[in-house]
Protein backbone atom coordinates (compact mmCIF):
# COMPACT_ATOMS: atom_id res chain seq x y z
CA MET A 1 9.28 -52.31 56.99
CA THR A 2 11.81 -54.29 58.74
CA ALA A 3 15.31 -52.74 58.88
CA GLN A 4 17.29 -53.30 55.69
CA HIS A 5 20.96 -53.10 57.77
CA LEU A 6 23.10 -52.64 60.51
CA GLN A 7 22.47 -49.19 60.82
CA SER A 8 18.97 -48.58 59.87
CA THR A 9 16.77 -46.07 62.34
CA VAL A 10 12.99 -46.31 62.81
CA ALA A 11 11.32 -42.76 63.80
CA LEU A 12 10.15 -42.01 67.33
CA ASN A 13 6.95 -40.64 67.90
CA ASN A 14 9.03 -37.34 68.84
CA GLY A 15 11.28 -37.99 64.94
CA VAL A 16 14.09 -38.99 66.55
CA HIS A 17 15.76 -41.37 64.79
CA MET A 18 17.13 -44.49 66.74
CA PRO A 19 18.74 -47.67 65.54
CA TRP A 20 17.04 -51.05 65.55
CA PHE A 21 20.66 -52.80 66.51
CA GLY A 22 22.45 -52.14 69.00
CA LEU A 23 25.10 -53.06 71.45
CA GLY A 24 24.23 -54.12 75.11
CA VAL A 25 26.63 -53.94 78.01
CA PHE A 26 24.97 -55.33 81.00
CA LYS A 27 26.60 -57.41 83.72
CA VAL A 28 30.46 -56.12 81.62
CA GLU A 29 32.51 -54.58 84.28
CA GLU A 30 34.73 -51.76 83.72
CA GLY A 31 38.13 -52.71 82.18
CA ALA A 32 39.82 -53.03 79.48
CA GLU A 33 36.88 -55.69 78.25
CA LEU A 34 33.81 -53.57 78.18
CA ILE A 35 36.07 -50.64 76.38
CA GLU A 36 37.32 -52.85 74.40
CA ALA A 37 33.70 -55.05 73.11
CA VAL A 38 32.46 -51.23 72.75
CA LYS A 39 35.26 -50.28 70.31
CA GLN A 40 34.81 -53.41 68.17
CA ALA A 41 31.05 -52.47 67.82
CA ILE A 42 31.56 -49.37 66.53
CA ALA A 43 34.36 -50.45 64.16
CA HIS A 44 32.56 -52.21 63.31
CA GLY A 45 29.24 -50.64 61.65
CA TYR A 46 27.25 -50.66 65.25
CA ARG A 47 25.63 -46.93 65.83
CA SER A 48 23.67 -47.70 68.94
CA ILE A 49 25.13 -48.41 72.52
CA ASP A 50 22.37 -48.80 75.56
CA THR A 51 24.37 -48.85 79.52
CA ALA A 52 22.35 -47.41 83.31
CA ALA A 53 23.69 -46.17 85.94
CA ILE A 54 23.33 -49.04 87.77
CA TYR A 55 25.78 -51.96 85.01
CA GLY A 56 28.06 -49.34 87.42
CA ASN A 57 30.10 -48.79 83.68
CA GLU A 58 29.18 -45.76 82.50
CA SER A 59 32.71 -44.10 82.79
CA GLY A 60 34.05 -47.21 80.45
CA VAL A 61 31.51 -47.18 78.31
CA GLY A 62 32.50 -43.08 77.82
CA GLN A 63 35.49 -43.81 77.55
CA ALA A 64 35.25 -46.11 74.30
CA ILE A 65 33.07 -43.86 72.74
CA ALA A 66 35.65 -41.14 72.62
CA GLU A 67 38.74 -43.17 71.75
CA ALA A 68 35.76 -45.31 68.97
CA LEU A 69 35.02 -41.39 67.67
CA ARG A 70 38.26 -40.07 66.90
CA GLU A 71 39.78 -43.88 65.48
CA ASN A 72 36.31 -44.13 63.08
CA ASN A 73 36.05 -40.51 62.24
CA LEU A 74 33.10 -40.33 63.49
CA LYS A 75 30.80 -37.34 65.14
CA ARG A 76 28.86 -37.74 67.90
CA GLU A 77 25.46 -36.81 66.53
CA GLU A 78 26.34 -40.00 64.42
CA LEU A 79 25.85 -42.62 67.92
CA PHE A 80 22.66 -43.03 69.53
CA VAL A 81 23.55 -42.94 73.57
CA THR A 82 21.40 -44.24 76.04
CA SER A 83 21.15 -44.48 79.80
CA LYS A 84 18.94 -45.20 83.24
CA VAL A 85 18.11 -43.44 85.91
CA TRP A 86 17.99 -45.75 88.76
CA ASN A 87 15.33 -46.93 91.43
CA ALA A 88 17.29 -44.96 94.31
CA ASP A 89 17.52 -42.14 92.62
CA LEU A 90 13.93 -41.70 91.34
CA GLY A 91 11.87 -39.02 92.11
CA TYR A 92 12.33 -34.54 90.92
CA ASP A 93 15.17 -33.68 92.00
CA GLU A 94 16.84 -37.22 92.61
CA THR A 95 16.65 -37.49 89.37
CA LEU A 96 18.36 -34.53 88.07
CA ALA A 97 21.24 -35.26 89.87
CA ALA A 98 21.46 -38.85 88.75
CA TYR A 99 21.08 -37.56 85.12
CA GLU A 100 24.15 -34.90 85.43
CA THR A 101 26.25 -37.83 86.88
CA THR A 102 25.38 -40.49 83.67
CA LEU A 103 26.93 -37.50 81.30
CA ASN A 104 29.82 -36.20 83.77
CA LYS A 105 30.88 -40.46 83.42
CA LEU A 106 30.01 -40.84 79.98
CA GLY A 107 32.00 -37.27 78.39
CA LEU A 108 28.62 -36.66 76.75
CA GLU A 109 27.01 -33.27 76.27
CA TYR A 110 23.89 -34.96 76.10
CA LEU A 111 22.32 -38.03 75.67
CA ASP A 112 20.06 -39.77 72.76
CA LEU A 113 17.63 -41.75 75.35
CA TYR A 114 17.81 -41.15 78.45
CA LEU A 115 15.26 -43.94 80.26
CA ILE A 116 13.22 -44.50 83.70
CA HIS A 117 14.92 -47.74 84.47
CA TRP A 118 11.88 -49.90 86.98
CA PRO A 119 8.75 -48.42 87.72
CA LYS A 120 9.01 -48.08 91.55
CA ALA A 121 5.26 -47.17 92.49
CA GLY A 122 4.96 -43.55 94.10
CA LYS A 123 8.88 -42.75 92.88
CA TYR A 124 8.26 -42.62 88.67
CA LYS A 125 5.99 -39.52 88.15
CA GLY A 126 8.92 -37.69 89.95
CA ALA A 127 11.13 -39.17 87.57
CA TRP A 128 9.48 -38.48 84.18
CA LYS A 129 8.91 -34.44 85.64
CA ALA A 130 12.63 -33.90 86.00
CA MET A 131 13.33 -36.12 82.28
CA GLU A 132 10.57 -33.86 81.10
CA GLU A 133 12.37 -30.91 82.28
CA LEU A 134 15.58 -32.29 81.40
CA TYR A 135 13.74 -33.10 76.85
CA LYS A 136 12.22 -29.02 76.77
CA ALA A 137 15.76 -28.34 77.66
CA GLY A 138 17.12 -30.02 74.66
CA ARG A 139 19.49 -31.31 77.16
CA ILE A 140 17.64 -35.01 75.81
CA LYS A 141 16.70 -36.41 72.56
CA ALA A 142 14.09 -38.84 73.44
CA ILE A 143 12.58 -40.36 77.26
CA GLY A 144 11.24 -43.31 77.69
CA VAL A 145 10.67 -46.04 80.64
CA SER A 146 11.92 -49.70 81.03
CA ASN A 147 10.39 -53.02 82.12
CA PHE A 148 6.87 -50.55 82.35
CA GLN A 149 4.06 -53.31 82.27
CA ILE A 150 0.56 -51.85 81.01
CA HIS A 151 -0.69 -50.80 84.17
CA HIS A 152 2.56 -48.28 84.66
CA LEU A 153 2.49 -47.15 80.52
CA GLU A 154 -1.09 -46.23 81.45
CA ASP A 155 -0.48 -44.70 84.77
CA LEU A 156 2.11 -42.07 83.62
CA LEU A 157 0.25 -41.51 81.19
CA GLN A 158 -2.56 -39.84 82.97
CA ASP A 159 -0.17 -37.31 84.30
CA ALA A 160 2.71 -37.39 81.11
CA GLU A 161 3.37 -34.12 79.28
CA VAL A 162 5.84 -35.53 77.11
CA LYS A 163 4.82 -39.50 75.61
CA PRO A 164 7.22 -42.25 76.65
CA VAL A 165 9.04 -42.96 73.40
CA ILE A 166 10.58 -46.47 74.39
CA ASN A 167 9.47 -49.79 76.50
CA GLN A 168 12.28 -51.70 76.78
CA VAL A 169 11.50 -55.11 78.42
CA GLU A 170 12.39 -58.44 78.46
CA TYR A 171 10.99 -59.95 75.40
CA HIS A 172 12.83 -62.94 73.46
CA PRO A 173 10.54 -66.20 72.37
CA ARG A 174 10.19 -67.55 75.46
CA LEU A 175 8.56 -64.38 76.85
CA THR A 176 6.49 -62.62 73.82
CA GLN A 177 4.33 -60.13 75.62
CA ALA A 178 1.64 -60.19 72.71
CA PRO A 179 -0.86 -57.68 75.23
CA LEU A 180 2.06 -55.24 76.29
CA LYS A 181 3.49 -55.25 72.52
CA ALA A 182 -0.02 -54.19 71.23
CA PHE A 183 -0.63 -51.87 74.01
CA CYS A 184 2.65 -50.00 73.36
CA GLU A 185 1.85 -50.19 68.83
CA LYS A 186 -1.49 -48.94 69.32
CA ASN A 187 0.07 -45.78 72.10
CA GLY A 188 3.08 -45.51 69.87
CA ILE A 189 5.71 -46.07 72.33
CA GLN A 190 8.05 -48.31 70.17
CA LEU A 191 8.84 -51.63 72.39
CA GLU A 192 12.83 -52.24 72.77
CA ALA A 193 14.03 -55.71 73.51
CA TRP A 194 17.01 -56.32 77.17
CA SER A 195 17.96 -59.94 77.65
CA PRO A 196 16.88 -61.28 73.27
CA LEU A 197 18.18 -64.63 73.40
CA MET A 198 16.91 -65.28 77.22
CA GLN A 199 20.49 -65.49 78.10
CA GLY A 200 21.85 -68.56 76.14
CA GLN A 201 18.75 -70.13 77.23
CA LEU A 202 17.91 -70.82 74.03
CA LEU A 203 20.58 -71.20 71.72
CA ASP A 204 20.15 -75.23 71.81
CA ASN A 205 16.12 -75.15 71.06
CA PRO A 206 14.62 -77.77 68.98
CA VAL A 207 12.29 -75.53 67.17
CA LEU A 208 15.27 -72.46 66.84
CA THR A 209 18.02 -75.02 65.73
CA GLU A 210 15.97 -76.10 63.25
CA ILE A 211 15.06 -72.99 61.77
CA ALA A 212 18.52 -71.92 61.75
CA THR A 213 19.43 -74.81 60.47
CA ALA A 214 17.40 -74.72 57.34
CA LYS A 215 18.98 -70.82 57.70
CA GLY A 216 22.58 -71.74 57.41
CA LYS A 217 22.27 -69.05 59.98
CA SER A 218 22.86 -69.10 63.97
CA VAL A 219 20.25 -69.51 66.54
CA ALA A 220 20.86 -66.51 67.70
CA GLN A 221 20.85 -64.63 64.43
CA VAL A 222 16.84 -66.42 63.74
CA ILE A 223 16.22 -64.88 67.08
CA LEU A 224 17.41 -61.08 66.79
CA ARG A 225 16.00 -61.27 63.80
CA TRP A 226 12.36 -61.72 64.72
CA ASP A 227 13.01 -59.21 66.97
CA LEU A 228 13.00 -56.78 63.98
CA GLN A 229 10.20 -58.52 62.01
CA ASN A 230 8.77 -58.32 64.62
CA GLY A 231 8.84 -54.56 65.14
CA VAL A 232 11.45 -54.47 68.53
CA ILE A 233 14.63 -52.55 68.31
CA THR A 234 16.76 -55.39 70.17
CA ILE A 235 20.07 -54.70 71.83
CA PRO A 236 21.61 -58.27 72.38
CA LYS A 237 25.04 -58.39 74.59
CA SER A 238 28.61 -59.23 73.73
CA THR A 239 32.00 -58.61 75.02
CA LYS A 240 33.64 -61.24 71.77
CA GLU A 241 34.56 -59.62 68.42
CA LYS A 242 33.48 -63.02 67.02
CA ARG A 243 29.75 -63.08 68.52
CA ILE A 244 29.29 -58.82 67.81
CA VAL A 245 29.64 -59.41 64.47
CA GLU A 246 27.80 -62.48 63.58
CA ASN A 247 25.17 -60.81 66.29
CA SER A 248 25.09 -58.38 63.72
CA SER A 249 24.61 -60.13 60.54
CA ILE A 250 20.79 -61.03 60.20
CA PHE A 251 20.62 -57.69 57.49
CA ASP A 252 20.79 -61.12 54.06
CA PHE A 253 18.23 -63.26 55.45
CA GLU A 254 13.90 -63.43 55.85
CA LEU A 255 12.29 -65.65 58.29
CA SER A 256 9.46 -66.52 56.27
CA ASN A 257 5.06 -65.26 58.00
CA ASP A 258 5.38 -69.84 58.63
CA GLU A 259 8.69 -69.39 61.25
CA MET A 260 7.64 -66.29 62.63
CA GLU A 261 4.93 -67.53 64.45
CA ARG A 262 6.79 -70.92 65.08
CA ILE A 263 9.09 -68.74 67.20
CA SER A 264 6.24 -66.68 68.35
CA ALA A 265 4.77 -70.24 69.53
CA LEU A 266 7.70 -71.13 72.37
CA ASN A 267 6.12 -68.13 74.14
CA GLU A 268 5.38 -69.52 78.11
CA ASP A 269 5.32 -66.63 79.55
CA VAL A 270 8.47 -67.28 81.33
CA ARG A 271 10.99 -64.36 82.72
CA VAL A 272 14.52 -64.43 83.27
CA GLY A 273 14.78 -61.06 84.61
CA PRO A 274 12.49 -60.14 87.09
CA ASP A 275 8.51 -59.22 87.29
CA PRO A 276 8.24 -56.01 87.09
CA ASP A 277 4.98 -55.53 89.18
CA ASN A 278 7.14 -58.19 92.05
CA PHE A 279 10.51 -56.66 92.66
CA ASP A 280 11.95 -55.19 96.06
CA PHE A 281 14.77 -53.40 95.11
C-alpha cells in the first residue's frame, strides 16, 4: 500500500503512525535558513521533521516547530518529530541525559521517535535499555535505530524487550540494501531512507532522466516515488521552498513494475556516507 498523499502514514510495529514522507535537516546550520525551511515545509503540508543531536540544530528546529504550530493552527500531536542520540552519549546514564538535552533544545514535552544514530560496538545496548525505559514511561512514542546492519539488529534483538520500530539507513538507487530490507520486513522493522537522492549524485543519471522525462517529473521526484513504492519512508533534505514543494509533489503519478525494476537495477552497493561496519567516530 503506497502513500496516497503527503500526510499518509504507515503503522509502525507498536501501532504508532508515522508519515511516509518528511523533511531532513542534516547539514543545515542553526539560523534563519533552517527556521525558514522547517516552517515552509510545515506550511506546505509536511508533518514529519527529522533532526539529530549531532546536527547541532535542534534549537532552531524547535523554534521553527513552535512558530509553525502557531501560524498554521496545528496541534503538537499533528507533527511527527524525530531526533537521534549521538555516539558520545551511548550508554545507559548518558542516553537518559542526552534525551533530556534534546527535549530541552527542541522545547518539546516528548519525541515521536528517538533513534540510536550509529551502532557503536559495546555501547548501543546500554543506550537501548535507557530508551526502552523512556518509552515505557510514555516519554517517547517510538524508539528505533539508524545505520544498523543485519548483525547489529540480531545482536540488539537478543536482549531487547522492545523491538525497534525503524531502521533509518542510507538508501537510494545505487544502494538498495536488499538483504537488510528483507530482514527488516521479516522482523516488522520499518526501513527509512536517509540521503535518498545520494546527495545530488543521481540527478543526471541517464536511466533516471529517461524515466523522469517520460513521466513529466524531475529525477528527484522519480527517486522519492521509488522509495515510497518500495515501502520505504523517505526524508529528503532541502532548504529552498521551491525544492521543498517539488520533493513532496510525488503523489500524482506511479512508476510501473518495469520502471521500478530498472531503477533498482542501478544498485552498485555504493555509499556516500560512512560504512556502519567501519567508522571511527
